Amino acid sequence: MKHGVYGILKARFLINEDANAAKNWRFIVFVILLAIIMIANTQRYEQKVFKIIALTNEVKELRSQFVDRRSELMKLKMESTVSEKMEAKLIFPSAVPPVKIKVKKAEDENFFKKLWQ
């Protein structure tokens, strides 16, 4: 047991001249590459999470601005607000309600008569 632990601490399994040393080096390089890939993947994941959080906050802010603007627009479109602004320009609302004007279309002559004119 002492030779096994002592051999691992001195890294004799990496220095031996036999074929096992080459396999051990390949395995260690493979594990290191996997660790680097995992670290990079985790970092990209965290960047995306931060970006999603930032975009969610921006959407909430834009939605609240939209609601504010819509309520302002509704207030500006009210008849009382429009009439107040027009009174400043000496334009007053009409006392007589509007009347719908109906235009009767004269019946066209026959298509063939129009064609030969």
PDB file of N, CA and C in Angstrom:
ATOM      1  N   MET A   1       0.823  -1.192   0.000  1.00  0.00           N
ATOM      2  CA  MET A   1       0.000   0.000   0.000  1.00  0.00           C
ATOM      3  C   MET A   1       0.865   1.253   0.000  1.00  0.00           C
ATOM      4  N   LYS A   2       1.986   1.184   0.764  1.00  0.00           N
ATOM      5  CA  LYS A   2       2.855   2.347   0.856  1.00  0.00           C
ATOM      6  C   LYS A   2       3.480   2.669  -0.495  1.00  0.00           C
ATOM      7  N   HIS A   3       3.859   1.643  -1.234  1.00  0.00           N
ATOM      8  CA  HIS A   3       4.436   1.875  -2.556  1.00  0.00           C
ATOM      9  C   HIS A   3       3.386   2.429  -3.517  1.00  0.00           C
ATOM     10  N   GLY A   4       2.141   2.013  -3.365  1.00  0.00           N
ATOM     11  CA  GLY A   4       1.071   2.492  -4.250  1.00  0.00           C
ATOM     12  C   GLY A   4       0.808   3.977  -4.056  1.00  0.00           C
ATOM     13  N   VAL A   5       0.640   4.412  -2.809  1.00  0.00           N
ATOM     14  CA  VAL A   5       0.364   5.823  -2.531  1.00  0.00           C
ATOM     15  C   VAL A   5       1.598   6.660  -2.832  1.00  0.00           C
ATOM     16  N   TYR A   6       2.767   6.137  -2.440  1.00  0.00           N
ATOM     17  CA  TYR A   6       4.013   6.848  -2.684  1.00  0.00           C
ATOM     18  C   TYR A   6       4.276   6.964  -4.190  1.00  0.00           C
ATOM     19  N   GLY A   7       3.968   5.928  -4.935  1.00  0.00           N
ATOM     20  CA  GLY A   7       4.135   5.954  -6.390  1.00  0.00           C
ATOM     21  C   GLY A   7       3.182   6.964  -7.040  1.00  0.00           C
ATOM     22  N   ILE A   8       1.951   7.078  -6.526  1.00  0.00           N
ATOM     23  CA  ILE A   8       0.986   8.058  -7.063  1.00  0.00           C
ATOM     24  C   ILE A   8       1.460   9.472  -6.768  1.00  0.00           C
ATOM     25  N   LEU A   9       1.967   9.695  -5.541  1.00  0.00           N
ATOM     26  CA  LEU A   9       2.441  11.028  -5.176  1.00  0.00           C
ATOM     27  C   LEU A   9       3.651  11.449  -6.013  1.00  0.00           C
ATOM     28  N   LYS A  10       4.506  10.508  -6.352  1.00  0.00           N
ATOM     29  CA  LYS A  10       5.683  10.824  -7.179  1.00  0.00           C
ATOM     30  C   LYS A  10       5.348  10.779  -8.675  1.00  0.00           C
ATOM     31  N   ALA A  11       4.127  10.421  -9.006  1.00  0.00           N
ATOM     32  CA  ALA A  11       3.641  10.344 -10.385  1.00  0.00           C
ATOM     33  C   ALA A  11       4.454   9.372 -11.217  1.00  0.00           C
ATOM     34  N   ARG A  12       4.768   8.231 -10.642  1.00  0.00           N
ATOM     35  CA  ARG A  12       5.526   7.223 -11.382  1.00  0.00           C
ATOM     36  C   ARG A  12       4.692   6.602 -12.507  1.00  0.00           C
ATOM     37  N   PHE A  13       3.358   6.645 -12.358  1.00  0.00           N
ATOM     38  CA  PHE A  13       2.507   6.067 -13.400  1.00  0.00           C
ATOM     39  C   PHE A  13       2.559   6.904 -14.680  1.00  0.00           C
ATOM     40  N   LEU A  14       3.085   8.143 -14.594  1.00  0.00           N
ATOM     41  CA  LEU A  14       3.225   8.980 -15.782  1.00  0.00           C
ATOM     42  C   LEU A  14       4.619   8.909 -16.393  1.00  0.00           C
ATOM     43  N   ILE A  15       5.570   8.404 -15.619  1.00  0.00           N
ATOM     44  CA  ILE A  15       6.969   8.406 -16.077  1.00  0.00           C
ATOM     45  C   ILE A  15       7.408   7.051 -16.605  1.00  0.00           C
ATOM     46  N   ASN A  16       6.717   6.002 -16.238  1.00  0.00           N
ATOM     47  CA  ASN A  16       7.129   4.650 -16.655  1.00  0.00           C
ATOM     48  C   ASN A  16       7.301   4.567 -18.163  1.00  0.00           C
ATOM     49  N   GLU A  17       8.183   3.723 -18.571  1.00  0.00           N
ATOM     50  CA  GLU A  17       8.521   3.563 -19.984  1.00  0.00           C
ATOM     51  C   GLU A  17       7.516   2.676 -20.730  1.00  0.00           C
ATOM     52  N   ASP A  18       6.632   2.037 -20.036  1.00  0.00           N
ATOM     53  CA  ASP A  18       5.725   1.095 -20.703  1.00  0.00           C
ATOM     54  C   ASP A  18       4.557   1.854 -21.375  1.00  0.00           C
ATOM     55  N   ALA A  19       3.648   1.124 -21.983  1.00  0.00           N
ATOM     56  CA  ALA A  19       2.534   1.702 -22.739  1.00  0.00           C
ATOM     57  C   ALA A  19       1.491   2.328 -21.825  1.00  0.00           C
ATOM     58  N   ASN A  20       1.446   1.921 -20.575  1.00  0.00           N
ATOM     59  CA  ASN A  20       0.454   2.479 -19.644  1.00  0.00           C
ATOM     60  C   ASN A  20       0.683   3.971 -19.413  1.00  0.00           C
ATOM     61  N   ALA A  21       1.912   4.423 -19.431  1.00  0.00           N
ATOM     62  CA  ALA A  21       2.206   5.839 -19.205  1.00  0.00           C
ATOM     63  C   ALA A  21       1.582   6.694 -20.308  1.00  0.00           C
ATOM     64  N   ALA A  22       1.667   6.273 -21.544  1.00  0.00           N
ATOM     65  CA  ALA A  22       1.081   7.028 -22.653  1.00  0.00           C
ATOM     66  C   ALA A  22      -0.439   7.068 -22.530  1.00  0.00           C
ATOM     67  N   LYS A  23      -1.037   5.933 -22.134  1.00  0.00           N
ATOM     68  CA  LYS A  23      -2.488   5.897 -21.939  1.00  0.00           C
ATOM     69  C   LYS A  23      -2.885   6.821 -20.802  1.00  0.00           C
ATOM     70  N   ASN A  24      -2.091   6.835 -19.746  1.00  0.00           N
ATOM     71  CA  ASN A  24      -2.407   7.701 -18.607  1.00  0.00           C
ATOM     72  C   ASN A  24      -2.331   9.174 -19.004  1.00  0.00           C
ATOM     73  N   TRP A  25      -1.315   9.537 -19.802  1.00  0.00           N
ATOM     74  CA  TRP A  25      -1.199  10.922 -20.251  1.00  0.00           C
ATOM     75  C   TRP A  25      -2.388  11.316 -21.130  1.00  0.00           C
ATOM     76  N   ARG A  26      -2.798  10.429 -22.019  1.00  0.00           N
ATOM     77  CA  ARG A  26      -3.957  10.717 -22.866  1.00  0.00           C
ATOM     78  C   ARG A  26      -5.220  10.907 -22.041  1.00  0.00           C
ATOM     79  N   PHE A  27      -5.385  10.069 -21.038  1.00  0.00           N
ATOM     80  CA  PHE A  27      -6.561  10.183 -20.183  1.00  0.00           C
ATOM     81  C   PHE A  27      -6.544  11.506 -19.408  1.00  0.00           C
ATOM     82  N   ILE A  28      -5.384  11.896 -18.895  1.00  0.00           N
ATOM     83  CA  ILE A  28      -5.291  13.154 -18.138  1.00  0.00           C
ATOM     84  C   ILE A  28      -5.574  14.347 -19.047  1.00  0.00           C
ATOM     85  N   VAL A  29      -5.041  14.329 -20.262  1.00  0.00           N
ATOM     86  CA  VAL A  29      -5.321  15.410 -21.208  1.00  0.00           C
ATOM     87  C   VAL A  29      -6.804  15.446 -21.546  1.00  0.00           C
ATOM     88  N   PHE A  30      -7.414  14.280 -21.725  1.00  0.00           N
ATOM     89  CA  PHE A  30      -8.842  14.199 -21.998  1.00  0.00           C
ATOM     90  C   PHE A  30      -9.658  14.784 -20.857  1.00  0.00           C
ATOM     91  N   VAL A  31      -9.315  14.451 -19.637  1.00  0.00           N
ATOM     92  CA  VAL A  31     -10.037  14.972 -18.462  1.00  0.00           C
ATOM     93  C   VAL A  31      -9.867  16.492 -18.361  1.00  0.00           C
ATOM     94  N   ILE A  32      -8.663  16.988 -18.646  1.00  0.00           N
ATOM     95  CA  ILE A  32      -8.429  18.437 -18.607  1.00  0.00           C
ATOM     96  C   ILE A  32      -9.263  19.146 -19.672  1.00  0.00           C
ATOM     97  N   LEU A  33      -9.303  18.586 -20.880  1.00  0.00           N
ATOM     98  CA  LEU A  33     -10.128  19.176 -21.938  1.00  0.00           C
ATOM     99  C   LEU A  33     -11.603  19.184 -21.556  1.00  0.00           C
ATOM    100  N   LEU A  34     -12.081  18.086 -20.956  1.00  0.00           N
ATOM    101  CA  LEU A  34     -13.476  18.058 -20.507  1.00  0.00           C
ATOM    102  C   LEU A  34     -13.740  19.123 -19.449  1.00  0.00           C
ATOM    103  N   ALA A  35     -12.795  19.299 -18.534  1.00  0.00           N
ATOM    104  CA  ALA A  35     -12.954  20.317 -17.489  1.00  0.00           C
ATOM    105  C   ALA A  35     -13.009  21.719 -18.099  1.00  0.00           C
ATOM    106  N   ILE A  36     -12.156  21.985 -19.089  1.00  0.00           N
ATOM    107  CA  ILE A  36     -12.165  23.297 -19.749  1.00  0.00           C
ATOM    108  C   ILE A  36     -13.488  23.524 -20.474  1.00  0.00           C
ATOM    109  N   ILE A  37     -13.981  22.501 -21.156  1.00  0.00           N
ATOM    110  CA  ILE A  37     -15.262  22.611 -21.862  1.00  0.00           C
ATOM    111  C   ILE A  37     -16.399  22.863 -20.878  1.00  0.00           C
ATOM    112  N   MET A  38     -16.381  22.168 -19.754  1.00  0.00           N
ATOM    113  CA  MET A  38     -17.433  22.369 -18.741  1.00  0.00           C
ATOM    114  C   MET A  38     -17.386  23.780 -18.172  1.00  0.00           C
ATOM    115  N   ILE A  39     -16.212  24.301 -17.908  1.00  0.00           N
ATOM    116  CA  ILE A  39     -16.090  25.660 -17.375  1.00  0.00           C
ATOM    117  C   ILE A  39     -16.602  26.680 -18.393  1.00  0.00           C
ATOM    118  N   ALA A  40     -16.213  26.505 -19.657  1.00  0.00           N
ATOM    119  CA  ALA A  40     -16.672  27.426 -20.703  1.00  0.00           C
ATOM    120  C   ALA A  40     -18.186  27.351 -20.873  1.00  0.00           C
ATOM    121  N   ASN A  41     -18.732  26.161 -20.827  1.00  0.00           N
ATOM    122  CA  ASN A  41     -20.170  25.978 -20.968  1.00  0.00           C
ATOM    123  C   ASN A  41     -20.915  26.646 -19.814  1.00  0.00           C
ATOM    124  N   THR A  42     -20.416  26.489 -18.608  1.00  0.00           N
ATOM    125  CA  THR A  42     -21.054  27.106 -17.444  1.00  0.00           C
ATOM    126  C   THR A  42     -21.017  28.630 -17.551  1.00  0.00           C
ATOM    127  N   GLN A  43     -19.897  29.156 -18.012  1.00  0.00           N
ATOM    128  CA  GLN A  43     -19.778  30.607 -18.144  1.00  0.00           C
ATOM    129  C   GLN A  43     -20.748  31.143 -19.195  1.00  0.00           C
ATOM    130  N   ARG A  44     -20.863  30.464 -20.325  1.00  0.00           N
ATOM    131  CA  ARG A  44     -21.826  30.895 -21.354  1.00  0.00           C
ATOM    132  C   ARG A  44     -23.251  30.826 -20.839  1.00  0.00           C
ATOM    133  N   TYR A  45     -23.554  29.781 -20.061  1.00  0.00           N
ATOM    134  CA  TYR A  45     -24.889  29.642 -19.477  1.00  0.00           C
ATOM    135  C   TYR A  45     -25.188  30.815 -18.547  1.00  0.00           C
ATOM    136  N   GLU A  46     -24.234  31.176 -17.700  1.00  0.00           N
ATOM    137  CA  GLU A  46     -24.442  32.280 -16.769  1.00  0.00           C
ATOM    138  C   GLU A  46     -24.592  33.608 -17.512  1.00  0.00           C
ATOM    139  N   GLN A  47     -23.830  33.806 -18.598  1.00  0.00           N
ATOM    140  CA  GLN A  47     -23.974  35.021 -19.386  1.00  0.00           C
ATOM    141  C   GLN A  47     -25.374  35.119 -19.985  1.00  0.00           C
ATOM    142  N   LYS A  48     -25.882  33.997 -20.478  1.00  0.00           N
ATOM    143  CA  LYS A  48     -27.229  33.997 -21.050  1.00  0.00           C
ATOM    144  C   LYS A  48     -28.274  34.267 -19.983  1.00  0.00           C
ATOM    145  N   VAL A  49     -28.093  33.720 -18.784  1.00  0.00           N
ATOM    146  CA  VAL A  49     -29.038  33.963 -17.704  1.00  0.00           C
ATOM    147  C   VAL A  49     -29.050  35.448 -17.345  1.00  0.00           C
ATOM    148  N   PHE A  50     -27.868  36.067 -17.252  1.00  0.00           N
ATOM    149  CA  PHE A  50     -27.802  37.494 -16.940  1.00  0.00           C
ATOM    150  C   PHE A  50     -28.463  38.325 -18.035  1.00  0.00           C
ATOM    151  N   LYS A  51     -28.260  37.931 -19.287  1.00  0.00           N
ATOM    152  CA  LYS A  51     -28.875  38.659 -20.390  1.00  0.00           C
ATOM    153  C   LYS A  51     -30.391  38.515 -20.354  1.00  0.00           C
ATOM    154  N   ILE A  52     -30.885  37.321 -20.031  1.00  0.00           N
ATOM    155  CA  ILE A  52     -32.331  37.103 -19.938  1.00  0.00           C
ATOM    156  C   ILE A  52     -32.920  37.956 -18.826  1.00  0.00           C
ATOM    157  N   ILE A  53     -32.238  38.042 -17.699  1.00  0.00           N
ATOM    158  CA  ILE A  53     -32.722  38.855 -16.589  1.00  0.00           C
ATOM    159  C   ILE A  53     -32.762  40.331 -16.989  1.00  0.00           C
ATOM    160  N   ALA A  54     -31.714  40.801 -17.671  1.00  0.00           N
ATOM    161  CA  ALA A  54     -31.675  42.199 -18.104  1.00  0.00           C
ATOM    162  C   ALA A  54     -32.806  42.490 -19.099  1.00  0.00           C
ATOM    163  N   LEU A  55     -33.028  41.574 -20.042  1.00  0.00           N
ATOM    164  CA  LEU A  55     -34.089  41.778 -21.028  1.00  0.00           C
ATOM    165  C   LEU A  55     -35.472  41.725 -20.386  1.00  0.00           C
ATOM    166  N   THR A  56     -35.644  40.869 -19.391  1.00  0.00           N
ATOM    167  CA  THR A  56     -36.927  40.798 -18.685  1.00  0.00           C
ATOM    168  C   THR A  56     -37.210  42.108 -17.966  1.00  0.00           C
ATOM    169  N   ASN A  57     -36.192  42.662 -17.322  1.00  0.00           N
ATOM    170  CA  ASN A  57     -36.368  43.944 -16.645  1.00  0.00           C
ATOM    171  C   ASN A  57     -36.689  45.053 -17.640  1.00  0.00           C
ATOM    172  N   GLU A  58     -36.033  45.025 -18.793  1.00  0.00           N
ATOM    173  CA  GLU A  58     -36.301  46.034 -19.819  1.00  0.00           C
ATOM    174  C   GLU A  58     -37.726  45.911 -20.354  1.00  0.00           C
ATOM    175  N   VAL A  59     -38.201  44.686 -20.532  1.00  0.00           N
ATOM    176  CA  VAL A  59     -39.573  44.474 -21.001  1.00  0.00           C
ATOM    177  C   VAL A  59     -40.568  45.013 -19.984  1.00  0.00           C
ATOM    178  N   LYS A  60     -40.326  44.766 -18.700  1.00  0.00           N
ATOM    179  CA  LYS A  60     -41.223  45.287 -17.663  1.00  0.00           C
ATOM    180  C   LYS A  60     -41.260  46.812 -17.685  1.00  0.00           C
ATOM    181  N   GLU A  61     -40.086  47.423 -17.845  1.00  0.00           N
ATOM    182  CA  GLU A  61     -40.017  48.886 -17.877  1.00  0.00           C
ATOM    183  C   GLU A  61     -40.741  49.437 -19.098  1.00  0.00           C
ATOM    184  N   LEU A  62     -40.521  48.822 -20.259  1.00  0.00           N
ATOM    185  CA  LEU A  62     -41.193  49.281 -21.480  1.00  0.00           C
ATOM    186  C   LEU A  62     -42.701  49.078 -21.398  1.00  0.00           C
ATOM    187  N   ARG A  63     -43.132  47.991 -20.765  1.00  0.00           N
ATOM    188  CA  ARG A  63     -44.562  47.746 -20.617  1.00  0.00           C
ATOM    189  C   ARG A  63     -45.199  48.821 -19.735  1.00  0.00           C
ATOM    190  N   SER A  64     -44.514  49.196 -18.654  1.00  0.00           N
ATOM    191  CA  SER A  64     -45.061  50.240 -17.787  1.00  0.00           C
ATOM    192  C   SER A  64     -45.093  51.586 -18.514  1.00  0.00           C
ATOM    193  N   GLN A  65     -44.078  51.879 -19.331  1.00  0.00           N
ATOM    194  CA  GLN A  65     -44.103  53.110 -20.123  1.00  0.00           C
ATOM    195  C   GLN A  65     -45.259  53.087 -21.115  1.00  0.00           C
ATOM    196  N   PHE A  66     -45.507  51.928 -21.711  1.00  0.00           N
ATOM    197  CA  PHE A  66     -46.619  51.801 -22.658  1.00  0.00           C
ATOM    198  C   PHE A  66     -47.955  52.082 -21.972  1.00  0.00           C
ATOM    199  N   VAL A  67     -48.150  51.540 -20.787  1.00  0.00           N
ATOM    200  CA  VAL A  67     -49.399  51.758 -20.057  1.00  0.00           C
ATOM    201  C   VAL A  67     -49.552  53.236 -19.714  1.00  0.00           C
ATOM    202  N   ASP A  68     -48.471  53.879 -19.288  1.00  0.00           N
ATOM    203  CA  ASP A  68     -48.524  55.309 -18.973  1.00  0.00           C
ATOM    204  C   ASP A  68     -48.893  56.131 -20.205  1.00  0.00           C
ATOM    205  N   ARG A  69     -48.242  55.847 -21.324  1.00  0.00           N
ATOM    206  CA  ARG A  69     -48.530  56.604 -22.550  1.00  0.00           C
ATOM    207  C   ARG A  69     -49.964  56.366 -23.027  1.00  0.00           C
ATOM    208  N   ARG A  70     -50.428  55.143 -22.898  1.00  0.00           N
ATOM    209  CA  ARG A  70     -51.790  54.841 -23.329  1.00  0.00           C
ATOM    210  C   ARG A  70     -52.804  55.594 -22.484  1.00  0.00           C
ATOM    211  N   SER A  71     -52.573  55.662 -21.169  1.00  0.00           N
ATOM    212  CA  SER A  71     -53.500  56.395 -20.308  1.00  0.00           C
ATOM    213  C   SER A  71     -53.455  57.893 -20.617  1.00  0.00           C
ATOM    214  N   GLU A  72     -52.257  58.438 -20.914  1.00  0.00           N
ATOM    215  CA  GLU A  72     -52.163  59.844 -21.311  1.00  0.00           C
ATOM    216  C   GLU A  72     -52.928  60.099 -22.609  1.00  0.00           C
ATOM    217  N   LEU A  73     -52.787  59.181 -23.562  1.00  0.00           N
ATOM    218  CA  LEU A  73     -53.488  59.316 -24.834  1.00  0.00           C
ATOM    219  C   LEU A  73     -55.002  59.276 -24.629  1.00  0.00           C
ATOM    220  N   MET A  74     -55.462  58.372 -23.805  1.00  0.00           N
ATOM    221  CA  MET A  74     -56.900  58.287 -23.544  1.00  0.00           C
ATOM    222  C   MET A  74     -57.416  59.588 -22.931  1.00  0.00           C
ATOM    223  N   LYS A  75     -56.626  60.179 -22.050  1.00  0.00           N
ATOM    224  CA  LYS A  75     -57.020  61.441 -21.426  1.00  0.00           C
ATOM    225  C   LYS A  75     -57.049  62.560 -22.469  1.00  0.00           C
ATOM    226  N   LEU A  76     -56.050  62.580 -23.362  1.00  0.00           N
ATOM    227  CA  LEU A  76     -56.007  63.621 -24.390  1.00  0.00           C
ATOM    228  C   LEU A  76     -57.135  63.480 -25.412  1.00  0.00           C
ATOM    229  N   LYS A  77     -57.598  62.275 -25.646  1.00  0.00           N
ATOM    230  CA  LYS A  77     -58.650  62.042 -26.633  1.00  0.00           C
ATOM    231  C   LYS A  77     -60.049  62.331 -26.100  1.00  0.00           C
ATOM    232  N   MET A  78     -60.169  62.537 -24.811  1.00  0.00           N
ATOM    233  CA  MET A  78     -61.495  62.802 -24.239  1.00  0.00           C
ATOM    234  C   MET A  78     -62.050  64.112 -24.786  1.00  0.00           C
ATOM    235  N   GLU A  79     -63.363  64.159 -24.963  1.00  0.00           N
ATOM    236  CA  GLU A  79     -64.003  65.336 -25.547  1.00  0.00           C
ATOM    237  C   GLU A  79     -63.806  66.570 -24.679  1.00  0.00           C
ATOM    238  N   SER A  80     -63.838  66.397 -23.369  1.00  0.00           N
ATOM    239  CA  SER A  80     -63.679  67.544 -22.478  1.00  0.00           C
ATOM    240  C   SER A  80     -62.282  68.161 -22.619  1.00  0.00           C
ATOM    241  N   THR A  81     -61.249  67.320 -22.754  1.00  0.00           N
ATOM    242  CA  THR A  81     -59.890  67.837 -22.907  1.00  0.00           C
ATOM    243  C   THR A  81     -59.734  68.562 -24.244  1.00  0.00           C
ATOM    244  N   VAL A  82     -60.291  67.997 -25.292  1.00  0.00           N
ATOM    245  CA  VAL A  82     -60.201  68.620 -26.608  1.00  0.00           C
ATOM    246  C   VAL A  82     -60.943  69.951 -26.609  1.00  0.00           C
ATOM    247  N   SER A  83     -62.132  69.998 -26.009  1.00  0.00           N
ATOM    248  CA  SER A  83     -62.901  71.249 -26.009  1.00  0.00           C
ATOM    249  C   SER A  83     -62.200  72.325 -25.181  1.00  0.00           C
ATOM    250  N   GLU A  84     -61.549  71.947 -24.087  1.00  0.00           N
ATOM    251  CA  GLU A  84     -60.788  72.923 -23.298  1.00  0.00           C
ATOM    252  C   GLU A  84     -59.651  73.520 -24.121  1.00  0.00           C
ATOM    253  N   LYS A  85     -58.937  72.701 -24.873  1.00  0.00           N
ATOM    254  CA  LYS A  85     -57.823  73.200 -25.679  1.00  0.00           C
ATOM    255  C   LYS A  85     -58.327  74.065 -26.837  1.00  0.00           C
ATOM    256  N   MET A  86     -59.501  73.747 -27.389  1.00  0.00           N
ATOM    257  CA  MET A  86     -60.047  74.533 -28.486  1.00  0.00           C
ATOM    258  C   MET A  86     -60.612  75.867 -28.001  1.00  0.00           C
ATOM    259  N   GLU A  87     -61.104  75.919 -26.763  1.00  0.00           N
ATOM    260  CA  GLU A  87     -61.616  77.183 -26.220  1.00  0.00           C
ATOM    261  C   GLU A  87     -60.502  78.213 -26.111  1.00  0.00           C
ATOM    262  N   ALA A  88     -59.294  77.791 -25.886  1.00  0.00           N
ATOM    263  CA  ALA A  88     -58.162  78.719 -25.841  1.00  0.00           C
ATOM    264  C   ALA A  88     -57.944  79.370 -27.203  1.00  0.00           C
ATOM    265  N   LYS A  89     -58.334  78.681 -28.278  1.00  0.00           N
ATOM    266  CA  LYS A  89     -58.204  79.230 -29.637  1.00  0.00           C
ATOM    267  C   LYS A  89     -59.522  79.828 -30.133  1.00  0.00           C
ATOM    268  N   LEU A  90     -60.458  80.011 -29.198  1.00  0.00           N
ATOM    269  CA  LEU A  90     -61.785  80.576 -29.483  1.00  0.00           C
ATOM    270  C   LEU A  90     -62.587  79.710 -30.449  1.00  0.00           C
ATOM    271  N   ILE A  91     -62.441  78.428 -30.340  1.00  0.00           N
ATOM    272  CA  ILE A  91     -63.259  77.481 -31.100  1.00  0.00           C
ATOM    273  C   ILE A  91     -64.100  76.731 -30.070  1.00  0.00           C
ATOM    274  N   PHE A  92     -65.415  76.882 -30.175  1.00  0.00           N
ATOM    275  CA  PHE A  92     -66.315  76.316 -29.165  1.00  0.00           C
ATOM    276  C   PHE A  92     -67.062  75.125 -29.756  1.00  0.00           C
ATOM    277  N   PRO A  93     -67.486  74.196 -28.897  1.00  0.00           N
ATOM    278  CA  PRO A  93     -68.257  73.059 -29.413  1.00  0.00           C
ATOM    279  C   PRO A  93     -69.616  73.512 -29.931  1.00  0.00           C
ATOM    280  N   SER A  94     -70.105  72.815 -30.906  1.00  0.00           N
ATOM    281  CA  SER A  94     -71.382  73.160 -31.526  1.00  0.00           C
ATOM    282  C   SER A  94     -72.530  72.807 -30.601  1.00  0.00           C
ATOM    283  N   ALA A  95     -73.532  73.676 -30.598  1.00  0.00           N
ATOM    284  CA  ALA A  95     -74.728  73.423 -29.791  1.00  0.00           C
ATOM    285  C   ALA A  95     -75.694  72.523 -30.548  1.00  0.00           C
ATOM    286  N   VAL A  96     -75.567  72.498 -31.869  1.00  0.00           N
ATOM    287  CA  VAL A  96     -76.444  71.685 -32.711  1.00  0.00           C
ATOM    288  C   VAL A  96     -75.733  70.369 -32.997  1.00  0.00           C
ATOM    289  N   PRO A  97     -76.390  69.240 -32.757  1.00  0.00           N
ATOM    290  CA  PRO A  97     -75.740  67.955 -33.035  1.00  0.00           C
ATOM    291  C   PRO A  97     -75.548  67.764 -34.537  1.00  0.00           C
ATOM    292  N   PRO A  98     -74.578  66.995 -34.926  1.00  0.00           N
ATOM    293  CA  PRO A  98     -74.322  66.781 -36.356  1.00  0.00           C
ATOM    294  C   PRO A  98     -75.441  65.977 -37.015  1.00  0.00           C
ATOM    295  N   VAL A  99     -75.608  66.230 -38.299  1.00  0.00           N
ATOM    296  CA  VAL A  99     -76.633  65.541 -39.080  1.00  0.00           C
ATOM    297  C   VAL A  99     -75.927  64.714 -40.139  1.00  0.00           C
ATOM    298  N   LYS A 100     -76.413  63.511 -40.319  1.00  0.00           N
ATOM    299  CA  LYS A 100     -75.818  62.638 -41.316  1.00  0.00           C
ATOM    300  C   LYS A 100     -76.356  63.004 -42.690  1.00  0.00           C
ATOM    301  N   ILE A 101     -75.464  63.202 -43.611  1.00  0.00           N
ATOM    302  CA  ILE A 101     -75.854  63.572 -44.969  1.00  0.00           C
ATOM    303  C   ILE A 101     -75.820  62.315 -45.826  1.00  0.00           C
ATOM    304  N   LYS A 102     -76.951  62.071 -46.487  1.00  0.00           N
ATOM    305  CA  LYS A 102     -77.036  60.904 -47.360  1.00  0.00           C
ATOM    306  C   LYS A 102     -77.007  61.379 -48.802  1.00  0.00           C
ATOM    307  N   VAL A 103     -76.138  60.815 -49.587  1.00  0.00           N
ATOM    308  CA  VAL A 103     -76.036  61.155 -51.006  1.00  0.00           C
ATOM    309  C   VAL A 103     -76.583  59.979 -51.790  1.00  0.00           C
ATOM    310  N   LYS A 104     -77.585  60.302 -52.607  1.00  0.00           N
ATOM    311  CA  LYS A 104     -78.168  59.255 -53.441  1.00  0.00           C
ATOM    312  C   LYS A 104     -77.430  59.227 -54.767  1.00  0.00           C
ATOM    313  N   LYS A 105     -77.024  58.075 -55.127  1.00  0.00           N
ATOM    314  CA  LYS A 105     -76.282  57.907 -56.359  1.00  0.00           C
ATOM    315  C   LYS A 105     -77.276  57.779 -57.510  1.00  0.00           C
ATOM    316  N   ALA A 106     -77.052  58.585 -58.502  1.00  0.00           N
ATOM    317  CA  ALA A 106     -77.927  58.517 -59.679  1.00  0.00           C
ATOM    318  C   ALA A 106     -77.681  57.201 -60.379  1.00  0.00           C
ATOM    319  N   GLU A 107     -78.775  56.606 -60.815  1.00  0.00           N
ATOM    320  CA  GLU A 107     -78.639  55.321 -61.477  1.00  0.00           C
ATOM    321  C   GLU A 107     -77.955  55.512 -62.824  1.00  0.00           C
ATOM    322  N   ASP A 108     -76.995  54.687 -63.049  1.00  0.00           N
ATOM    323  CA  ASP A 108     -76.255  54.775 -64.303  1.00  0.00           C
ATOM    324  C   ASP A 108     -77.096  54.218 -65.444  1.00  0.00           C
ATOM    325  N   GLU A 109     -76.804  54.754 -66.586  1.00  0.00           N
ATOM    326  CA  GLU A 109     -77.481  54.228 -67.768  1.00  0.00           C
ATOM    327  C   GLU A 109     -76.945  52.843 -68.083  1.00  0.00           C
ATOM    328  N   ASN A 110     -77.534  52.276 -68.990  1.00  0.00           N
ATOM    329  CA  ASN A 110     -77.155  50.943 -69.394  1.00  0.00           C
ATOM    330  C   ASN A 110     -75.686  50.913 -69.818  1.00  0.00           C
ATOM    331  N   PHE A 111     -75.036  49.848 -69.516  1.00  0.00           N
ATOM    332  CA  PHE A 111     -73.612  49.690 -69.825  1.00  0.00           C
ATOM    333  C   PHE A 111     -73.341  49.843 -71.320  1.00  0.00           C
ATOM    334  N   PHE A 112     -74.226  49.307 -72.140  1.00  0.00           N
ATOM    335  CA  PHE A 112     -74.023  49.361 -73.574  1.00  0.00           C
ATOM    336  C   PHE A 112     -74.197  50.778 -74.121  1.00  0.00           C
ATOM    337  N   LYS A 113     -75.088  51.550 -73.501  1.00  0.00           N
ATOM    338  CA  LYS A 113     -75.267  52.928 -73.937  1.00  0.00           C
ATOM    339  C   LYS A 113     -74.017  53.749 -73.624  1.00  0.00           C
ATOM    340  N   LYS A 114     -73.428  53.496 -72.479  1.00  0.00           N
ATOM    341  CA  LYS A 114     -72.201  54.197 -72.119  1.00  0.00           C
ATOM    342  C   LYS A 114     -71.069  53.806 -73.059  1.00  0.00           C
ATOM    343  N   LEU A 115     -71.066  52.561 -73.421  1.00  0.00           N
ATOM    344  CA  LEU A 115     -69.983  52.068 -74.264  1.00  0.00           C
ATOM    345  C   LEU A 115     -69.999  52.744 -75.633  1.00  0.00           C
ATOM    346  N   TRP A 116     -71.172  53.046 -76.206  1.00  0.00           N
ATOM    347  CA  TRP A 116     -71.269  53.579 -77.558  1.00  0.00           C
ATOM    348  C   TRP A 116     -71.238  55.089 -77.595  1.00  0.00           C
ATOM    349  N   GLN A 117     -71.163  55.756 -76.453  1.00  0.00           N
ATOM    350  CA  GLN A 117     -71.149  57.217 -76.461  1.00  0.00           C
ATOM    351  C   GLN A 117     -69.800  57.763 -76.759  1.00  0.00           C
TER     352      GLN A 117
END
